[in-house]
Amino acid sequence: MEARSAQKSRAEKLRENAGTALSVAASERFGKSGRAMMAA
C-alpha cells in the first residue's frame, strides 16, 4: 500500500512540475521579452 501511495505522490509531483513549466513558458512567450522576439 505504501508503494502505491509513493507512486501516486510522484505522479502528482511530476504533474505539478509540468504545469509550472508550462505556465512559465507561457508567461515568457507573452511577456515583454517574448513579444519583442515575436516582433523581430
C-alpha atoms as a PDB file:
ATOM      1  CA  MET A   1       0.000   0.000   0.000  1.00  0.00           C
ATOM      2  CA  GLU A   2       2.869   2.388   0.770  1.00  0.00           C
ATOM      3  CA  ALA A   3       4.419   1.763  -2.650  1.00  0.00           C
ATOM      4  CA  ARG A   4       1.170   2.680  -4.363  1.00  0.00           C
ATOM      5  CA  SER A   5       0.915   5.857  -2.296  1.00  0.00           C
ATOM      6  CA  ALA A   6       4.515   6.771  -3.136  1.00  0.00           C
ATOM      7  CA  GLN A   7       3.849   6.245  -6.848  1.00  0.00           C
ATOM      8  CA  LYS A   8       0.754   8.426  -6.661  1.00  0.00           C
ATOM      9  CA  SER A   9       2.731  11.156  -4.887  1.00  0.00           C
ATOM     10  CA  ARG A  10       5.491  11.035  -7.512  1.00  0.00           C
ATOM     11  CA  ALA A  11       2.976  11.212 -10.352  1.00  0.00           C
ATOM     12  CA  GLU A  12       1.231  14.167  -8.720  1.00  0.00           C
ATOM     13  CA  LYS A  13       4.545  15.964  -8.220  1.00  0.00           C
ATOM     14  CA  LEU A  14       5.505  15.411 -11.875  1.00  0.00           C
ATOM     15  CA  ARG A  15       2.133  16.767 -12.983  1.00  0.00           C
ATOM     16  CA  GLU A  16       2.534  19.841 -10.794  1.00  0.00           C
ATOM     17  CA  ASN A  17       6.061  20.468 -12.088  1.00  0.00           C
ATOM     18  CA  ALA A  18       4.910  20.089 -15.698  1.00  0.00           C
ATOM     19  CA  GLY A  19       2.113  22.589 -15.076  1.00  0.00           C
ATOM     20  CA  THR A  20       4.581  25.040 -13.570  1.00  0.00           C
ATOM     21  CA  ALA A  21       6.936  24.660 -16.527  1.00  0.00           C
ATOM     22  CA  LEU A  22       4.069  25.284 -18.957  1.00  0.00           C
ATOM     23  CA  SER A  23       2.914  28.384 -17.120  1.00  0.00           C
ATOM     24  CA  VAL A  24       6.473  29.755 -17.043  1.00  0.00           C
ATOM     25  CA  ALA A  25       6.870  29.122 -20.779  1.00  0.00           C
ATOM     26  CA  ALA A  26       3.533  30.801 -21.497  1.00  0.00           C
ATOM     27  CA  SER A  27       4.395  33.837 -19.399  1.00  0.00           C
ATOM     28  CA  GLU A  28       7.785  34.098 -21.122  1.00  0.00           C
ATOM     29  CA  ARG A  29       6.161  33.881 -24.530  1.00  0.00           C
ATOM     30  CA  PHE A  30       3.581  36.544 -23.786  1.00  0.00           C
ATOM     31  CA  GLY A  31       5.806  38.725 -21.602  1.00  0.00           C
ATOM     32  CA  LYS A  32       7.690  41.783 -22.794  1.00  0.00           C
ATOM     33  CA  SER A  33      10.718  39.801 -23.990  1.00  0.00           C
ATOM     34  CA  GLY A  34       8.501  37.234 -25.730  1.00  0.00           C
ATOM     35  CA  ARG A  35       6.599  39.942 -27.576  1.00  0.00           C
ATOM     36  CA  ALA A  36       9.893  41.561 -28.635  1.00  0.00           C
ATOM     37  CA  MET A  37      11.104  38.231 -30.076  1.00  0.00           C
ATOM     38  CA  MET A  38       7.829  37.712 -31.928  1.00  0.00           C
ATOM     39  CA  ALA A  39       8.059  41.232 -33.417  1.00  0.00           C
ATOM     40  CA  ALA A  40      11.655  40.698 -34.581  1.00  0.00           C
END
